[in-house]
Amino acid sequence: MTRQLAFDLPGNEALTRADFFVAPSNARALQAVESWQDWPGAKLLLIGPEGAGKTHLANVWAELSGAVILSAEALGEVDIAALAGRPVAVEDAHLIGKAESALFHLHNVVTTGGALLLTAPTPPRDWGLQLADLQSRVQAASVARLEAPDDGLLSVVLIKLFADRQVAVPPNLIPYLISRMPRSIGAARALVAALDGRALALGRPVTRALAGEVLDRLENG
């Protein structure tokens, strides 16, 4: 049987609830997001390192609530009044910069009848906020924390990604990849795509030797 080629285009990462792998590092955050109608003050701050799944959970929440997802850096260009009473997620809130007044206004119009989810890698005290009123409102939000994916979660993700591509791999490959790859779900997707593409181009199976070549190429740019 001929295996169909799969092309990974930028921005096509699956971000649904069905694609979210639950592990000890993210289970509590997922529970908080799924219980969004019970958020105190109708707001939640989702904090976690790069690649931990903040964007994925924001999209899961959008599925549940019908929320609009915005980037903090573009918030100053948004018609805030049009979002009154709606669920809104603001990603990378630590990059709010000159749009602090827009976030303050959004906070006021959204949490009356709607809900507000903010994502960031660090707590609000580290964002350099200048507006005292905004700082107090953000710091009053409930917090859900995501940890970097552990070995168990990355193993499950890698196995699933290879299986989705109908790629058979040797048992020793998964721990080898985990020992060398960046610790994020996005990195796992990119690595599997690179391995599959390289194996197809060379007409070789995905082995530890091939993985070493691909990892070296990725690490060296």
N, C-alpha and C. Protein backbone atom coordinates (compact mmCIF):
# COMPACT_ATOMS: atom_id res chain seq x y z
N MET A 1 0.85 -1.20 0.00
CA MET A 1 0.00 0.00 0.00
C MET A 1 0.88 1.24 0.00
N THR A 2 0.56 2.21 -0.84
CA THR A 2 1.34 3.44 -0.92
C THR A 2 0.86 4.42 0.13
N ARG A 3 1.79 4.94 0.90
CA ARG A 3 1.42 5.90 1.94
C ARG A 3 1.25 7.29 1.35
N GLN A 4 0.14 7.92 1.69
CA GLN A 4 -0.13 9.26 1.17
C GLN A 4 0.78 10.28 1.82
N LEU A 5 1.29 11.19 1.02
CA LEU A 5 2.15 12.24 1.56
C LEU A 5 1.31 13.24 2.34
N ALA A 6 1.87 13.73 3.45
CA ALA A 6 1.18 14.74 4.25
C ALA A 6 2.04 15.99 4.28
N PHE A 7 1.47 17.11 3.95
CA PHE A 7 2.21 18.36 3.94
C PHE A 7 1.78 19.21 5.12
N ASP A 8 2.75 19.66 5.91
CA ASP A 8 2.47 20.48 7.08
C ASP A 8 2.64 21.95 6.70
N LEU A 9 1.54 22.65 6.56
CA LEU A 9 1.58 24.06 6.21
C LEU A 9 1.54 24.90 7.48
N PRO A 10 2.23 26.05 7.49
CA PRO A 10 2.22 26.89 8.68
C PRO A 10 0.81 27.26 9.11
N GLY A 11 0.56 27.21 10.41
CA GLY A 11 -0.73 27.62 10.93
C GLY A 11 -1.80 26.54 10.90
N ASN A 12 -1.48 25.32 10.47
CA ASN A 12 -2.48 24.27 10.37
C ASN A 12 -2.47 23.33 11.57
N GLU A 13 -1.81 23.71 12.64
CA GLU A 13 -1.75 22.85 13.82
C GLU A 13 -3.15 22.65 14.40
N ALA A 14 -3.51 21.40 14.70
CA ALA A 14 -4.82 21.09 15.26
C ALA A 14 -4.89 21.57 16.70
N LEU A 15 -5.87 22.42 17.01
CA LEU A 15 -5.96 23.01 18.34
C LEU A 15 -7.34 22.79 18.97
N THR A 16 -7.95 21.64 18.68
CA THR A 16 -9.26 21.33 19.25
C THR A 16 -9.09 20.59 20.58
N ARG A 17 -10.20 20.42 21.30
CA ARG A 17 -10.17 19.67 22.55
C ARG A 17 -9.74 18.23 22.30
N ALA A 18 -10.19 17.66 21.19
CA ALA A 18 -9.84 16.27 20.88
C ALA A 18 -8.34 16.09 20.66
N ASP A 19 -7.65 17.15 20.27
CA ASP A 19 -6.22 17.09 20.00
C ASP A 19 -5.38 17.48 21.22
N PHE A 20 -6.04 17.80 22.33
CA PHE A 20 -5.32 18.22 23.53
C PHE A 20 -5.00 16.99 24.38
N PHE A 21 -3.71 16.72 24.57
CA PHE A 21 -3.27 15.57 25.34
C PHE A 21 -3.19 15.95 26.83
N VAL A 22 -3.97 15.27 27.65
CA VAL A 22 -4.04 15.60 29.07
C VAL A 22 -2.94 14.88 29.83
N ALA A 23 -2.26 15.62 30.71
CA ALA A 23 -1.17 15.07 31.52
C ALA A 23 -1.14 15.83 32.84
N PRO A 24 -0.38 15.34 33.83
CA PRO A 24 -0.29 16.07 35.10
C PRO A 24 0.16 17.52 34.94
N SER A 25 0.92 17.81 33.89
CA SER A 25 1.43 19.16 33.70
C SER A 25 0.36 20.15 33.23
N ASN A 26 -0.78 19.64 32.74
CA ASN A 26 -1.78 20.56 32.20
C ASN A 26 -3.21 20.26 32.64
N ALA A 27 -3.42 19.21 33.42
CA ALA A 27 -4.78 18.77 33.75
C ALA A 27 -5.57 19.83 34.53
N ARG A 28 -4.92 20.48 35.49
CA ARG A 28 -5.63 21.48 36.29
C ARG A 28 -5.98 22.70 35.45
N ALA A 29 -5.10 23.08 34.56
CA ALA A 29 -5.38 24.22 33.70
C ALA A 29 -6.55 23.90 32.77
N LEU A 30 -6.58 22.70 32.23
CA LEU A 30 -7.68 22.28 31.37
C LEU A 30 -9.00 22.32 32.15
N GLN A 31 -8.98 21.83 33.37
CA GLN A 31 -10.19 21.83 34.19
C GLN A 31 -10.68 23.26 34.43
N ALA A 32 -9.74 24.17 34.68
CA ALA A 32 -10.11 25.57 34.90
C ALA A 32 -10.74 26.17 33.66
N VAL A 33 -10.18 25.88 32.50
CA VAL A 33 -10.70 26.41 31.25
C VAL A 33 -12.09 25.84 30.96
N GLU A 34 -12.28 24.56 31.19
CA GLU A 34 -13.57 23.94 30.91
C GLU A 34 -14.64 24.38 31.91
N SER A 35 -14.23 24.91 33.06
CA SER A 35 -15.18 25.42 34.06
C SER A 35 -15.31 26.93 33.97
N TRP A 36 -15.20 27.46 32.77
CA TRP A 36 -15.09 28.91 32.58
C TRP A 36 -16.30 29.69 33.10
N GLN A 37 -17.47 29.07 33.12
CA GLN A 37 -18.65 29.79 33.60
C GLN A 37 -18.62 30.03 35.11
N ASP A 38 -17.67 29.38 35.79
CA ASP A 38 -17.54 29.55 37.24
C ASP A 38 -16.36 30.43 37.63
N TRP A 39 -15.69 31.07 36.64
CA TRP A 39 -14.54 31.91 36.97
C TRP A 39 -14.96 33.07 37.87
N PRO A 40 -14.28 33.27 39.00
CA PRO A 40 -14.56 34.44 39.83
C PRO A 40 -14.31 35.72 39.05
N GLY A 41 -15.29 36.61 39.03
CA GLY A 41 -15.14 37.86 38.29
C GLY A 41 -15.12 37.67 36.79
N ALA A 42 -15.44 36.48 36.31
CA ALA A 42 -15.50 36.16 34.87
C ALA A 42 -14.16 36.34 34.18
N LYS A 43 -13.07 36.02 34.89
CA LYS A 43 -11.75 36.17 34.27
C LYS A 43 -10.79 35.11 34.79
N LEU A 44 -9.84 34.75 33.93
CA LEU A 44 -8.83 33.76 34.27
C LEU A 44 -7.51 34.13 33.61
N LEU A 45 -6.43 33.95 34.35
CA LEU A 45 -5.09 34.17 33.83
C LEU A 45 -4.41 32.82 33.67
N LEU A 46 -4.01 32.50 32.45
CA LEU A 46 -3.38 31.23 32.12
C LEU A 46 -1.89 31.46 31.93
N ILE A 47 -1.08 30.91 32.84
CA ILE A 47 0.36 31.16 32.85
C ILE A 47 1.12 29.86 32.60
N GLY A 48 2.11 29.92 31.72
CA GLY A 48 2.94 28.75 31.46
C GLY A 48 4.05 29.08 30.50
N PRO A 49 5.10 28.27 30.47
CA PRO A 49 6.25 28.53 29.61
C PRO A 49 5.91 28.33 28.13
N GLU A 50 6.80 28.78 27.27
CA GLU A 50 6.65 28.60 25.83
C GLU A 50 6.45 27.12 25.49
N GLY A 51 5.44 26.83 24.68
CA GLY A 51 5.21 25.46 24.24
C GLY A 51 4.43 24.60 25.21
N ALA A 52 3.94 25.17 26.32
CA ALA A 52 3.23 24.36 27.30
C ALA A 52 1.78 24.09 26.91
N GLY A 53 1.23 24.88 25.98
CA GLY A 53 -0.14 24.64 25.53
C GLY A 53 -1.11 25.78 25.78
N LYS A 54 -0.60 27.00 26.03
CA LYS A 54 -1.49 28.13 26.31
C LYS A 54 -2.38 28.44 25.11
N THR A 55 -1.79 28.51 23.93
CA THR A 55 -2.58 28.80 22.73
C THR A 55 -3.60 27.71 22.47
N HIS A 56 -3.21 26.46 22.68
CA HIS A 56 -4.14 25.35 22.48
C HIS A 56 -5.32 25.49 23.42
N LEU A 57 -5.06 25.79 24.69
CA LEU A 57 -6.16 25.92 25.64
C LEU A 57 -7.02 27.14 25.35
N ALA A 58 -6.42 28.20 24.84
CA ALA A 58 -7.22 29.36 24.44
C ALA A 58 -8.20 28.97 23.33
N ASN A 59 -7.74 28.14 22.41
CA ASN A 59 -8.61 27.67 21.33
C ASN A 59 -9.66 26.69 21.83
N VAL A 60 -9.30 25.86 22.80
CA VAL A 60 -10.28 24.97 23.42
C VAL A 60 -11.38 25.80 24.06
N TRP A 61 -10.97 26.86 24.75
CA TRP A 61 -11.96 27.73 25.39
C TRP A 61 -12.84 28.42 24.36
N ALA A 62 -12.25 28.85 23.26
CA ALA A 62 -13.03 29.48 22.20
C ALA A 62 -14.07 28.51 21.64
N GLU A 63 -13.71 27.23 21.54
CA GLU A 63 -14.67 26.21 21.12
C GLU A 63 -15.86 26.15 22.07
N LEU A 64 -15.57 26.20 23.37
CA LEU A 64 -16.61 26.06 24.38
C LEU A 64 -17.48 27.30 24.51
N SER A 65 -16.85 28.45 24.43
CA SER A 65 -17.54 29.70 24.78
C SER A 65 -17.91 30.59 23.60
N GLY A 66 -17.34 30.28 22.43
CA GLY A 66 -17.53 31.17 21.29
C GLY A 66 -16.68 32.42 21.39
N ALA A 67 -15.58 32.35 22.14
CA ALA A 67 -14.74 33.52 22.40
C ALA A 67 -14.00 33.99 21.16
N VAL A 68 -13.71 35.27 21.15
CA VAL A 68 -12.82 35.88 20.17
C VAL A 68 -11.40 35.80 20.73
N ILE A 69 -10.43 35.42 19.91
CA ILE A 69 -9.03 35.35 20.34
C ILE A 69 -8.26 36.50 19.71
N LEU A 70 -7.61 37.31 20.53
CA LEU A 70 -6.85 38.47 20.07
C LEU A 70 -5.43 38.40 20.60
N SER A 71 -4.50 39.04 19.91
CA SER A 71 -3.14 39.16 20.42
C SER A 71 -3.01 40.48 21.17
N ALA A 72 -2.26 40.48 22.24
CA ALA A 72 -2.10 41.69 23.04
C ALA A 72 -1.49 42.82 22.22
N GLU A 73 -0.54 42.49 21.36
CA GLU A 73 0.15 43.52 20.60
C GLU A 73 -0.77 44.24 19.62
N ALA A 74 -1.85 43.58 19.20
CA ALA A 74 -2.77 44.20 18.24
C ALA A 74 -4.00 44.80 18.91
N LEU A 75 -4.05 44.73 20.22
CA LEU A 75 -5.26 45.14 20.94
C LEU A 75 -5.59 46.61 20.74
N GLY A 76 -4.58 47.44 20.57
CA GLY A 76 -4.81 48.87 20.40
C GLY A 76 -5.55 49.22 19.12
N GLU A 77 -5.61 48.28 18.17
CA GLU A 77 -6.27 48.52 16.89
C GLU A 77 -7.68 47.93 16.84
N VAL A 78 -8.13 47.37 17.96
CA VAL A 78 -9.42 46.68 18.01
C VAL A 78 -10.51 47.62 18.51
N ASP A 79 -11.72 47.47 17.97
CA ASP A 79 -12.89 48.21 18.46
C ASP A 79 -13.36 47.53 19.74
N ILE A 80 -12.89 48.01 20.86
CA ILE A 80 -13.17 47.37 22.15
C ILE A 80 -14.65 47.39 22.46
N ALA A 81 -15.33 48.49 22.15
CA ALA A 81 -16.75 48.60 22.49
C ALA A 81 -17.57 47.50 21.82
N ALA A 82 -17.13 47.04 20.64
CA ALA A 82 -17.88 46.01 19.91
C ALA A 82 -17.78 44.65 20.60
N LEU A 83 -16.87 44.52 21.57
CA LEU A 83 -16.69 43.26 22.27
C LEU A 83 -17.43 43.20 23.60
N ALA A 84 -18.22 44.21 23.89
CA ALA A 84 -18.92 44.29 25.17
C ALA A 84 -19.77 43.05 25.40
N GLY A 85 -19.62 42.44 26.58
CA GLY A 85 -20.42 41.29 26.96
C GLY A 85 -20.05 39.99 26.29
N ARG A 86 -18.94 39.95 25.54
CA ARG A 86 -18.55 38.74 24.82
C ARG A 86 -17.37 38.06 25.54
N PRO A 87 -17.23 36.76 25.36
CA PRO A 87 -16.01 36.10 25.85
C PRO A 87 -14.84 36.47 24.93
N VAL A 88 -13.72 36.87 25.53
CA VAL A 88 -12.55 37.28 24.75
C VAL A 88 -11.30 36.70 25.39
N ALA A 89 -10.41 36.16 24.56
CA ALA A 89 -9.10 35.70 25.01
C ALA A 89 -8.04 36.63 24.45
N VAL A 90 -7.13 37.06 25.29
CA VAL A 90 -6.01 37.91 24.86
C VAL A 90 -4.73 37.12 25.09
N GLU A 91 -4.04 36.79 24.01
CA GLU A 91 -2.81 36.01 24.11
C GLU A 91 -1.59 36.90 24.26
N ASP A 92 -0.58 36.37 24.97
CA ASP A 92 0.68 37.10 25.19
C ASP A 92 0.43 38.44 25.85
N ALA A 93 -0.35 38.41 26.92
CA ALA A 93 -0.73 39.65 27.61
C ALA A 93 0.48 40.40 28.15
N HIS A 94 1.60 39.71 28.33
CA HIS A 94 2.81 40.37 28.84
C HIS A 94 3.40 41.33 27.81
N LEU A 95 2.93 41.25 26.56
CA LEU A 95 3.42 42.13 25.49
C LEU A 95 2.46 43.28 25.23
N ILE A 96 1.61 43.59 26.19
CA ILE A 96 0.57 44.60 26.01
C ILE A 96 1.14 45.98 25.68
N GLY A 97 2.30 46.31 26.27
CA GLY A 97 2.99 47.55 25.91
C GLY A 97 2.11 48.78 25.95
N LYS A 98 2.04 49.51 24.83
CA LYS A 98 1.30 50.77 24.77
C LYS A 98 -0.21 50.59 24.72
N ALA A 99 -0.68 49.35 24.66
CA ALA A 99 -2.12 49.10 24.57
C ALA A 99 -2.74 48.82 25.94
N GLU A 100 -2.08 49.27 27.00
CA GLU A 100 -2.61 49.02 28.35
C GLU A 100 -4.01 49.58 28.51
N SER A 101 -4.25 50.79 28.00
CA SER A 101 -5.57 51.40 28.16
C SER A 101 -6.63 50.58 27.44
N ALA A 102 -6.27 49.97 26.30
CA ALA A 102 -7.22 49.13 25.57
C ALA A 102 -7.55 47.88 26.38
N LEU A 103 -6.55 47.28 27.03
CA LEU A 103 -6.79 46.11 27.85
C LEU A 103 -7.64 46.46 29.06
N PHE A 104 -7.40 47.63 29.64
CA PHE A 104 -8.21 48.09 30.77
C PHE A 104 -9.67 48.25 30.35
N HIS A 105 -9.88 48.91 29.20
CA HIS A 105 -11.23 49.11 28.69
C HIS A 105 -11.87 47.76 28.37
N LEU A 106 -11.12 46.85 27.76
CA LEU A 106 -11.64 45.53 27.44
C LEU A 106 -12.07 44.79 28.69
N HIS A 107 -11.24 44.87 29.70
CA HIS A 107 -11.55 44.23 30.98
C HIS A 107 -12.91 44.69 31.49
N ASN A 108 -13.16 45.97 31.40
CA ASN A 108 -14.40 46.52 31.94
C ASN A 108 -15.63 46.12 31.12
N VAL A 109 -15.50 46.09 29.78
CA VAL A 109 -16.68 45.81 28.96
C VAL A 109 -16.94 44.31 28.80
N VAL A 110 -15.89 43.50 28.94
CA VAL A 110 -16.04 42.06 28.72
C VAL A 110 -16.57 41.35 29.95
N THR A 111 -16.07 41.70 31.11
CA THR A 111 -16.44 40.95 32.31
C THR A 111 -17.84 41.29 32.81
N THR A 112 -18.53 42.17 32.13
CA THR A 112 -19.94 42.43 32.42
C THR A 112 -20.77 41.68 31.39
N GLY A 113 -21.10 40.45 31.73
CA GLY A 113 -21.89 39.63 30.82
C GLY A 113 -21.07 38.71 29.94
N GLY A 114 -19.76 38.89 29.90
CA GLY A 114 -18.89 38.04 29.10
C GLY A 114 -17.86 37.35 29.98
N ALA A 115 -16.66 37.18 29.45
CA ALA A 115 -15.57 36.56 30.21
C ALA A 115 -14.25 36.93 29.54
N LEU A 116 -13.18 36.90 30.33
CA LEU A 116 -11.87 37.30 29.83
C LEU A 116 -10.82 36.27 30.21
N LEU A 117 -10.09 35.78 29.21
CA LEU A 117 -8.97 34.86 29.42
C LEU A 117 -7.70 35.56 28.94
N LEU A 118 -6.70 35.62 29.81
CA LEU A 118 -5.41 36.19 29.45
C LEU A 118 -4.35 35.10 29.52
N THR A 119 -3.48 35.04 28.51
CA THR A 119 -2.37 34.08 28.56
C THR A 119 -1.04 34.83 28.59
N ALA A 120 -0.09 34.25 29.31
CA ALA A 120 1.23 34.87 29.43
C ALA A 120 2.21 33.84 30.01
N PRO A 121 3.51 34.04 29.79
CA PRO A 121 4.48 33.12 30.37
C PRO A 121 4.83 33.45 31.82
N THR A 122 4.49 34.67 32.25
CA THR A 122 4.87 35.13 33.58
C THR A 122 3.69 35.82 34.27
N PRO A 123 3.74 35.98 35.60
CA PRO A 123 2.68 36.66 36.32
C PRO A 123 2.62 38.15 35.96
N PRO A 124 1.49 38.81 36.20
CA PRO A 124 1.32 40.22 35.85
C PRO A 124 2.36 41.15 36.47
N ARG A 125 2.91 40.81 37.62
CA ARG A 125 3.90 41.68 38.25
C ARG A 125 5.15 41.85 37.39
N ASP A 126 5.33 40.92 36.44
CA ASP A 126 6.52 40.97 35.58
C ASP A 126 6.24 41.59 34.21
N TRP A 127 5.03 42.11 34.00
CA TRP A 127 4.67 42.64 32.69
C TRP A 127 5.07 44.09 32.50
N GLY A 128 5.49 44.75 33.55
CA GLY A 128 5.85 46.16 33.45
C GLY A 128 4.66 47.07 33.25
N LEU A 129 3.51 46.72 33.81
CA LEU A 129 2.30 47.52 33.65
C LEU A 129 2.46 48.88 34.33
N GLN A 130 1.96 49.90 33.65
CA GLN A 130 2.06 51.26 34.17
C GLN A 130 0.75 51.74 34.79
N LEU A 131 -0.38 51.23 34.31
CA LEU A 131 -1.68 51.64 34.84
C LEU A 131 -2.00 50.86 36.11
N ALA A 132 -2.06 51.58 37.21
CA ALA A 132 -2.29 50.92 38.50
C ALA A 132 -3.63 50.20 38.53
N ASP A 133 -4.66 50.81 37.94
CA ASP A 133 -5.99 50.19 37.95
C ASP A 133 -5.99 48.88 37.15
N LEU A 134 -5.29 48.87 36.03
CA LEU A 134 -5.20 47.65 35.24
C LEU A 134 -4.43 46.58 36.01
N GLN A 135 -3.33 46.98 36.62
CA GLN A 135 -2.52 46.03 37.36
C GLN A 135 -3.32 45.38 38.47
N SER A 136 -4.10 46.16 39.20
CA SER A 136 -4.88 45.60 40.30
C SER A 136 -5.95 44.65 39.80
N ARG A 137 -6.58 44.98 38.67
CA ARG A 137 -7.62 44.12 38.13
C ARG A 137 -7.04 42.79 37.63
N VAL A 138 -5.91 42.87 36.93
CA VAL A 138 -5.30 41.65 36.39
C VAL A 138 -4.78 40.77 37.52
N GLN A 139 -4.17 41.37 38.52
CA GLN A 139 -3.63 40.59 39.62
C GLN A 139 -4.72 39.95 40.47
N ALA A 140 -5.96 40.45 40.36
CA ALA A 140 -7.07 39.87 41.10
C ALA A 140 -7.67 38.66 40.41
N ALA A 141 -7.23 38.39 39.19
CA ALA A 141 -7.79 37.27 38.42
C ALA A 141 -7.32 35.93 38.99
N SER A 142 -8.17 34.93 38.87
CA SER A 142 -7.77 33.57 39.22
C SER A 142 -6.67 33.12 38.25
N VAL A 143 -5.79 32.26 38.73
CA VAL A 143 -4.64 31.82 37.93
C VAL A 143 -4.68 30.31 37.73
N ALA A 144 -4.47 29.89 36.49
CA ALA A 144 -4.27 28.46 36.17
C ALA A 144 -2.88 28.34 35.56
N ARG A 145 -2.10 27.39 36.04
CA ARG A 145 -0.71 27.26 35.60
C ARG A 145 -0.49 26.00 34.76
N LEU A 146 0.28 26.18 33.71
CA LEU A 146 0.72 25.07 32.86
C LEU A 146 2.21 24.87 33.07
N GLU A 147 2.61 23.64 33.20
CA GLU A 147 4.03 23.33 33.30
C GLU A 147 4.52 22.84 31.94
N ALA A 148 5.83 22.87 31.73
CA ALA A 148 6.40 22.33 30.49
C ALA A 148 6.04 20.86 30.38
N PRO A 149 5.79 20.36 29.17
CA PRO A 149 5.43 18.94 29.01
C PRO A 149 6.48 18.02 29.60
N ASP A 150 6.04 17.00 30.36
CA ASP A 150 6.99 16.05 30.92
C ASP A 150 7.28 14.94 29.90
N ASP A 151 8.18 14.04 30.26
CA ASP A 151 8.58 12.97 29.33
C ASP A 151 7.39 12.10 28.92
N GLY A 152 6.50 11.83 29.88
CA GLY A 152 5.36 10.99 29.57
C GLY A 152 4.46 11.60 28.52
N LEU A 153 4.17 12.88 28.67
CA LEU A 153 3.31 13.56 27.71
C LEU A 153 3.97 13.65 26.34
N LEU A 154 5.25 14.00 26.31
CA LEU A 154 5.94 14.09 25.02
C LEU A 154 6.00 12.73 24.34
N SER A 155 6.16 11.66 25.11
CA SER A 155 6.18 10.32 24.53
C SER A 155 4.85 10.00 23.86
N VAL A 156 3.75 10.28 24.56
CA VAL A 156 2.42 10.01 24.01
C VAL A 156 2.20 10.82 22.74
N VAL A 157 2.60 12.09 22.78
CA VAL A 157 2.40 12.97 21.63
C VAL A 157 3.19 12.47 20.42
N LEU A 158 4.46 12.13 20.63
CA LEU A 158 5.29 11.65 19.53
C LEU A 158 4.73 10.36 18.92
N ILE A 159 4.34 9.42 19.77
CA ILE A 159 3.79 8.15 19.29
C ILE A 159 2.53 8.41 18.46
N LYS A 160 1.66 9.31 18.95
CA LYS A 160 0.42 9.62 18.22
C LYS A 160 0.74 10.30 16.89
N LEU A 161 1.68 11.22 16.87
CA LEU A 161 2.02 11.92 15.64
C LEU A 161 2.60 10.98 14.59
N PHE A 162 3.46 10.06 15.00
CA PHE A 162 3.99 9.07 14.05
C PHE A 162 2.88 8.15 13.56
N ALA A 163 1.99 7.74 14.47
CA ALA A 163 0.90 6.85 14.08
C ALA A 163 -0.03 7.53 13.08
N ASP A 164 -0.30 8.81 13.28
CA ASP A 164 -1.16 9.55 12.37
C ASP A 164 -0.60 9.56 10.95
N ARG A 165 0.73 9.52 10.85
CA ARG A 165 1.38 9.52 9.54
C ARG A 165 1.68 8.10 9.04
N GLN A 166 1.22 7.11 9.80
CA GLN A 166 1.47 5.71 9.47
C GLN A 166 2.97 5.43 9.35
N VAL A 167 3.73 6.00 10.26
CA VAL A 167 5.18 5.82 10.28
C VAL A 167 5.53 4.88 11.44
N ALA A 168 6.14 3.76 11.12
CA ALA A 168 6.61 2.82 12.14
C ALA A 168 8.00 3.24 12.60
N VAL A 169 8.21 3.29 13.92
CA VAL A 169 9.51 3.70 14.45
C VAL A 169 10.00 2.66 15.46
N PRO A 170 11.31 2.51 15.61
CA PRO A 170 11.86 1.55 16.58
C PRO A 170 11.60 2.02 18.01
N PRO A 171 11.51 1.10 18.96
CA PRO A 171 11.20 1.46 20.35
C PRO A 171 12.19 2.44 20.97
N ASN A 172 13.46 2.40 20.56
CA ASN A 172 14.45 3.26 21.19
C ASN A 172 14.44 4.69 20.64
N LEU A 173 13.59 4.95 19.64
CA LEU A 173 13.61 6.28 19.02
C LEU A 173 12.96 7.34 19.90
N ILE A 174 11.84 7.00 20.53
CA ILE A 174 11.09 8.00 21.30
C ILE A 174 11.92 8.58 22.44
N PRO A 175 12.52 7.76 23.32
CA PRO A 175 13.35 8.35 24.39
C PRO A 175 14.54 9.13 23.85
N TYR A 176 15.08 8.70 22.71
CA TYR A 176 16.19 9.43 22.10
C TYR A 176 15.75 10.82 21.65
N LEU A 177 14.59 10.90 21.01
CA LEU A 177 14.08 12.20 20.57
C LEU A 177 13.81 13.11 21.77
N ILE A 178 13.20 12.55 22.80
CA ILE A 178 12.87 13.36 23.98
C ILE A 178 14.12 13.92 24.64
N SER A 179 15.22 13.17 24.59
CA SER A 179 16.45 13.62 25.24
C SER A 179 17.10 14.79 24.51
N ARG A 180 16.71 15.02 23.25
CA ARG A 180 17.38 16.05 22.46
C ARG A 180 16.47 17.17 21.96
N MET A 181 15.18 16.97 21.93
CA MET A 181 14.27 17.96 21.33
C MET A 181 13.87 19.04 22.33
N PRO A 182 13.46 20.21 21.84
CA PRO A 182 12.87 21.22 22.73
C PRO A 182 11.61 20.66 23.37
N ARG A 183 11.34 21.07 24.60
CA ARG A 183 10.24 20.48 25.35
C ARG A 183 8.93 21.23 25.11
N SER A 184 8.34 21.02 23.94
CA SER A 184 7.04 21.61 23.64
C SER A 184 6.30 20.74 22.65
N ILE A 185 4.98 20.85 22.65
CA ILE A 185 4.15 20.08 21.72
C ILE A 185 4.40 20.55 20.29
N GLY A 186 4.56 21.86 20.12
CA GLY A 186 4.84 22.39 18.79
C GLY A 186 6.14 21.85 18.22
N ALA A 187 7.16 21.73 19.07
CA ALA A 187 8.44 21.18 18.63
C ALA A 187 8.29 19.71 18.24
N ALA A 188 7.44 18.98 18.96
CA ALA A 188 7.20 17.57 18.62
C ALA A 188 6.57 17.45 17.24
N ARG A 189 5.59 18.30 16.96
CA ARG A 189 4.94 18.27 15.65
C ARG A 189 5.94 18.59 14.54
N ALA A 190 6.74 19.62 14.76
CA ALA A 190 7.71 20.02 13.74
C ALA A 190 8.76 18.93 13.51
N LEU A 191 9.19 18.29 14.60
CA LEU A 191 10.21 17.25 14.49
C LEU A 191 9.69 16.03 13.74
N VAL A 192 8.48 15.60 14.06
CA VAL A 192 7.91 14.45 13.37
C VAL A 192 7.72 14.75 11.89
N ALA A 193 7.26 15.96 11.58
CA ALA A 193 7.09 16.34 10.18
C ALA A 193 8.43 16.34 9.45
N ALA A 194 9.48 16.85 10.10
CA ALA A 194 10.80 16.89 9.48
C ALA A 194 11.35 15.48 9.26
N LEU A 195 11.16 14.60 10.24
CA LEU A 195 11.62 13.22 10.11
C LEU A 195 10.89 12.49 8.99
N ASP A 196 9.59 12.66 8.94
CA ASP A 196 8.80 12.00 7.91
C ASP A 196 9.20 12.51 6.53
N GLY A 197 9.36 13.82 6.40
CA GLY A 197 9.74 14.39 5.11
C GLY A 197 11.12 13.93 4.66
N ARG A 198 12.05 13.88 5.60
CA ARG A 198 13.41 13.45 5.25
C ARG A 198 13.44 11.98 4.86
N ALA A 199 12.70 11.15 5.60
CA ALA A 199 12.65 9.72 5.28
C ALA A 199 12.06 9.48 3.90
N LEU A 200 11.02 10.22 3.57
CA LEU A 200 10.40 10.08 2.25
C LEU A 200 11.36 10.54 1.15
N ALA A 201 12.05 11.64 1.40
CA ALA A 201 12.96 12.17 0.39
C ALA A 201 14.11 11.21 0.11
N LEU A 202 14.58 10.51 1.15
CA LEU A 202 15.72 9.60 0.99
C LEU A 202 15.30 8.17 0.71
N GLY A 203 14.01 7.88 0.85
CA GLY A 203 13.56 6.50 0.69
C GLY A 203 14.06 5.59 1.78
N ARG A 204 14.20 6.15 3.00
CA ARG A 204 14.71 5.39 4.13
C ARG A 204 13.66 5.34 5.23
N PRO A 205 13.72 4.33 6.10
CA PRO A 205 12.83 4.31 7.26
C PRO A 205 13.28 5.34 8.29
N VAL A 206 12.38 5.68 9.20
CA VAL A 206 12.74 6.59 10.30
C VAL A 206 13.46 5.77 11.36
N THR A 207 14.74 6.01 11.50
CA THR A 207 15.57 5.30 12.47
C THR A 207 16.25 6.30 13.39
N ARG A 208 16.93 5.78 14.40
CA ARG A 208 17.67 6.67 15.30
C ARG A 208 18.78 7.40 14.56
N ALA A 209 19.42 6.72 13.62
CA ALA A 209 20.49 7.37 12.84
C ALA A 209 19.94 8.53 12.02
N LEU A 210 18.79 8.30 11.37
CA LEU A 210 18.18 9.38 10.59
C LEU A 210 17.73 10.51 11.51
N ALA A 211 17.20 10.15 12.67
CA ALA A 211 16.77 11.17 13.63
C ALA A 211 17.94 12.03 14.07
N GLY A 212 19.12 11.40 14.27
CA GLY A 212 20.30 12.17 14.64
C GLY A 212 20.67 13.17 13.57
N GLU A 213 20.57 12.77 12.31
CA GLU A 213 20.88 13.69 11.21
C GLU A 213 19.90 14.86 11.19
N VAL A 214 18.61 14.56 11.34
CA VAL A 214 17.58 15.60 11.29
C VAL A 214 17.72 16.55 12.48
N LEU A 215 17.96 16.02 13.65
CA LEU A 215 18.14 16.86 14.83
C LEU A 215 19.34 17.78 14.68
N ASP A 216 20.43 17.24 14.15
CA ASP A 216 21.62 18.07 13.93
C ASP A 216 21.31 19.21 12.97
N ARG A 217 20.55 18.90 11.91
CA ARG A 217 20.20 19.94 10.94
C ARG A 217 19.31 21.00 11.56
N LEU A 218 18.35 20.58 12.38
CA LEU A 218 17.45 21.52 13.04
C LEU A 218 18.20 22.39 14.05
N GLU A 219 19.10 21.77 14.80
CA GLU A 219 19.85 22.52 15.81
C GLU A 219 20.82 23.52 15.18
N ASN A 220 21.34 23.19 14.01
CA ASN A 220 22.31 24.05 13.35
C ASN A 220 21.68 25.00 12.34
N GLY A 221 20.36 24.99 12.30
CA GLY A 221 19.65 25.90 11.40
C GLY A 221 19.68 25.45 9.97
